[in-house]
Amino acid sequence: METLEQELAALAAMSSAQLRTEWQRVMRTEPPAFSPDLIHRALAYRVQERRHGSLSPGVRREIDRLRRQVEKTGTLSGSRITLMPGTRLSRDWHGRTHHILVMEEGFLFEERRYSSLSQIASAITGTHWSGPRFFGLHARGRPEMPNGEQ
């Protein structure tokens, strides 16, 4: 069996016609009207995906969210914190510490699954909160000092 590096090197050495033939073999469709470089990149991705697995559901959702944002606004704006599954968040609220576990699909709080941090913040406080802000993931703007310094 070839190593991943050998497979990628073989792809890099292929002519345009060979890449299109390889596309048909691997993708089982006619090759699109892409440049040879783009076909090479797509095939290289597929080879790596077969070896290492595809993107996690969370990453796929984030890509879809970003795609929709670009389609709607034409730009990407704002930063978004990505929490890895297994991350633990905690927040002290009225003398009690609350612990949240980040899951592949949502969050676990008091043995119950939630789809958003805002739902958990509301469950804790009894009122609507921005979950990321409640758990300290979004910093508020720094207040301006009286003399104009930051």
Protein backbone atom coordinates (compact mmCIF):
# COMPACT_ATOMS: atom_id res chain seq x y z
CA MET A 1 0.00 0.00 0.00
CA GLU A 2 1.29 3.44 -0.90
CA THR A 3 1.90 5.97 1.81
CA LEU A 4 -0.11 9.17 1.84
CA GLU A 5 2.96 11.10 0.70
CA GLN A 6 3.43 8.74 -2.25
CA GLU A 7 -0.20 9.10 -3.31
CA LEU A 8 -0.01 12.88 -3.12
CA ALA A 9 3.27 12.92 -5.06
CA ALA A 10 1.72 10.73 -7.77
CA LEU A 11 -1.18 13.18 -8.09
CA ALA A 12 1.21 16.13 -8.34
CA ALA A 13 3.05 14.44 -11.21
CA MET A 14 -0.12 13.80 -13.28
CA SER A 15 -0.92 15.65 -16.50
CA SER A 16 -4.22 17.44 -16.97
CA ALA A 17 -5.67 14.45 -18.87
CA GLN A 18 -4.47 12.02 -16.18
CA LEU A 19 -6.05 14.17 -13.45
CA ARG A 20 -9.38 14.13 -15.28
CA THR A 21 -9.20 10.35 -15.63
CA GLU A 22 -8.33 10.04 -11.95
CA TRP A 23 -11.28 12.30 -11.11
CA GLN A 24 -13.63 9.93 -12.94
CA ARG A 25 -12.17 6.94 -11.12
CA VAL A 26 -12.25 8.47 -7.64
CA MET A 27 -15.34 10.69 -7.78
CA ARG A 28 -17.35 8.48 -10.17
CA THR A 29 -18.54 11.54 -12.09
CA GLU A 30 -17.41 13.52 -15.07
CA PRO A 31 -14.71 15.99 -14.09
CA PRO A 32 -15.96 19.58 -13.78
CA ALA A 33 -14.59 22.38 -15.92
CA PHE A 34 -11.98 23.26 -13.31
CA SER A 35 -8.33 24.09 -13.82
CA PRO A 36 -5.90 21.19 -13.43
CA ASP A 37 -4.65 22.81 -10.21
CA LEU A 38 -8.13 22.83 -8.68
CA ILE A 39 -8.78 19.22 -9.75
CA HIS A 40 -5.45 18.24 -8.20
CA ARG A 41 -6.37 19.98 -4.93
CA ALA A 42 -9.78 18.31 -4.77
CA LEU A 43 -8.30 14.87 -5.43
CA ALA A 44 -5.55 15.45 -2.85
CA TYR A 45 -8.20 16.42 -0.31
CA ARG A 46 -10.16 13.24 -1.07
CA VAL A 47 -7.03 11.08 -0.65
CA GLN A 48 -6.34 12.69 2.73
CA GLU A 49 -9.99 12.39 3.72
CA ARG A 50 -9.93 8.64 3.01
CA ARG A 51 -6.84 8.25 5.21
CA HIS A 52 -7.74 10.56 8.07
CA GLY A 53 -11.53 10.86 7.95
CA SER A 54 -13.78 13.72 6.99
CA LEU A 55 -14.64 16.91 8.82
CA SER A 56 -16.51 16.68 12.10
CA PRO A 57 -20.19 17.66 12.15
CA GLY A 58 -19.31 20.79 14.12
CA VAL A 59 -16.78 21.96 11.55
CA ARG A 60 -19.25 21.23 8.73
CA ARG A 61 -21.90 23.34 10.50
CA GLU A 62 -19.44 26.21 10.92
CA ILE A 63 -18.49 26.06 7.24
CA ASP A 64 -22.20 26.09 6.29
CA ARG A 65 -22.79 29.07 8.59
CA LEU A 66 -19.90 30.97 7.04
CA ARG A 67 -21.07 30.08 3.51
CA ARG A 68 -24.58 31.38 4.27
CA GLN A 69 -23.12 34.57 5.75
CA VAL A 70 -21.02 35.21 2.63
CA GLU A 71 -24.00 34.47 0.35
CA LYS A 72 -26.20 36.85 2.33
CA THR A 73 -23.80 39.72 3.03
CA GLY A 74 -20.87 39.17 0.68
CA THR A 75 -18.43 39.37 3.60
CA LEU A 76 -17.31 37.58 6.72
CA SER A 77 -17.56 39.69 9.82
CA GLY A 78 -16.94 39.27 13.49
CA SER A 79 -14.92 36.65 15.22
CA ARG A 80 -16.42 33.46 16.52
CA ILE A 81 -14.94 31.38 19.29
CA THR A 82 -14.76 27.69 18.53
CA LEU A 83 -15.11 25.36 21.48
CA MET A 84 -13.68 21.88 21.10
CA PRO A 85 -15.69 18.91 22.38
CA GLY A 86 -14.53 18.05 25.87
CA THR A 87 -13.99 21.69 26.86
CA ARG A 88 -15.45 22.52 30.27
CA LEU A 89 -16.92 25.92 31.04
CA SER A 90 -17.85 27.17 34.48
CA ARG A 91 -19.63 30.22 35.81
CA ASP A 92 -20.34 31.38 39.33
CA TRP A 93 -23.86 32.75 39.67
CA HIS A 94 -25.39 33.84 42.97
CA GLY A 95 -22.97 31.79 45.04
CA ARG A 96 -23.23 28.60 42.98
CA THR A 97 -20.75 27.31 40.42
CA HIS A 98 -22.28 25.91 37.24
CA HIS A 99 -20.30 23.53 35.00
CA ILE A 100 -20.95 22.94 31.30
CA LEU A 101 -19.38 20.30 29.07
CA VAL A 102 -18.97 21.07 25.36
CA MET A 103 -20.17 18.09 23.30
CA GLU A 104 -19.79 17.32 19.59
CA GLU A 105 -23.49 18.19 19.27
CA GLY A 106 -24.29 20.97 21.76
CA PHE A 107 -23.68 21.24 25.49
CA LEU A 108 -24.30 19.18 28.62
CA PHE A 109 -25.51 20.95 31.75
CA GLU A 110 -26.91 19.14 34.81
CA GLU A 111 -27.30 15.88 32.86
CA ARG A 112 -29.36 17.60 30.14
CA ARG A 113 -28.32 18.44 26.57
CA TYR A 114 -28.72 21.96 25.22
CA SER A 115 -28.15 23.22 21.70
CA SER A 116 -26.84 26.64 22.77
CA LEU A 117 -25.06 28.38 25.61
CA SER A 118 -27.82 31.00 25.64
CA GLN A 119 -30.36 28.32 26.59
CA ILE A 120 -28.14 27.31 29.51
CA ALA A 121 -27.59 30.92 30.61
CA SER A 122 -31.37 31.43 30.58
CA ALA A 123 -31.90 28.23 32.59
CA ILE A 124 -29.40 29.43 35.20
CA THR A 125 -30.57 33.05 35.45
CA GLY A 126 -34.26 32.79 34.59
CA THR A 127 -33.90 35.54 32.00
CA HIS A 128 -32.47 35.89 28.50
CA TRP A 129 -28.69 36.24 28.28
CA SER A 130 -26.16 35.96 25.51
CA GLY A 131 -24.65 32.58 26.40
CA PRO A 132 -21.16 33.39 25.09
CA ARG A 133 -21.15 36.65 27.06
CA PHE A 134 -22.55 34.98 30.21
CA PHE A 135 -19.74 32.41 30.13
CA GLY A 136 -17.08 35.04 29.41
CA LEU A 137 -16.39 34.04 25.80
CA HIS A 138 -17.15 37.50 24.38
CA ALA A 139 -15.35 40.38 25.98
CA ARG A 140 -17.21 43.61 26.29
CA GLY A 141 -15.64 46.62 24.64
CA ARG A 142 -12.97 48.15 26.79
CA PRO A 143 -14.26 51.29 28.46
CA GLU A 144 -12.58 54.49 27.46
CA MET A 145 -10.60 56.21 30.19
CA PRO A 146 -11.64 59.77 31.15
CA ASN A 147 -8.49 61.23 29.53
CA GLY A 148 -9.11 59.33 26.27
CA GLU A 149 -6.50 56.61 26.91
CA GLN A 150 -7.31 52.94 26.35
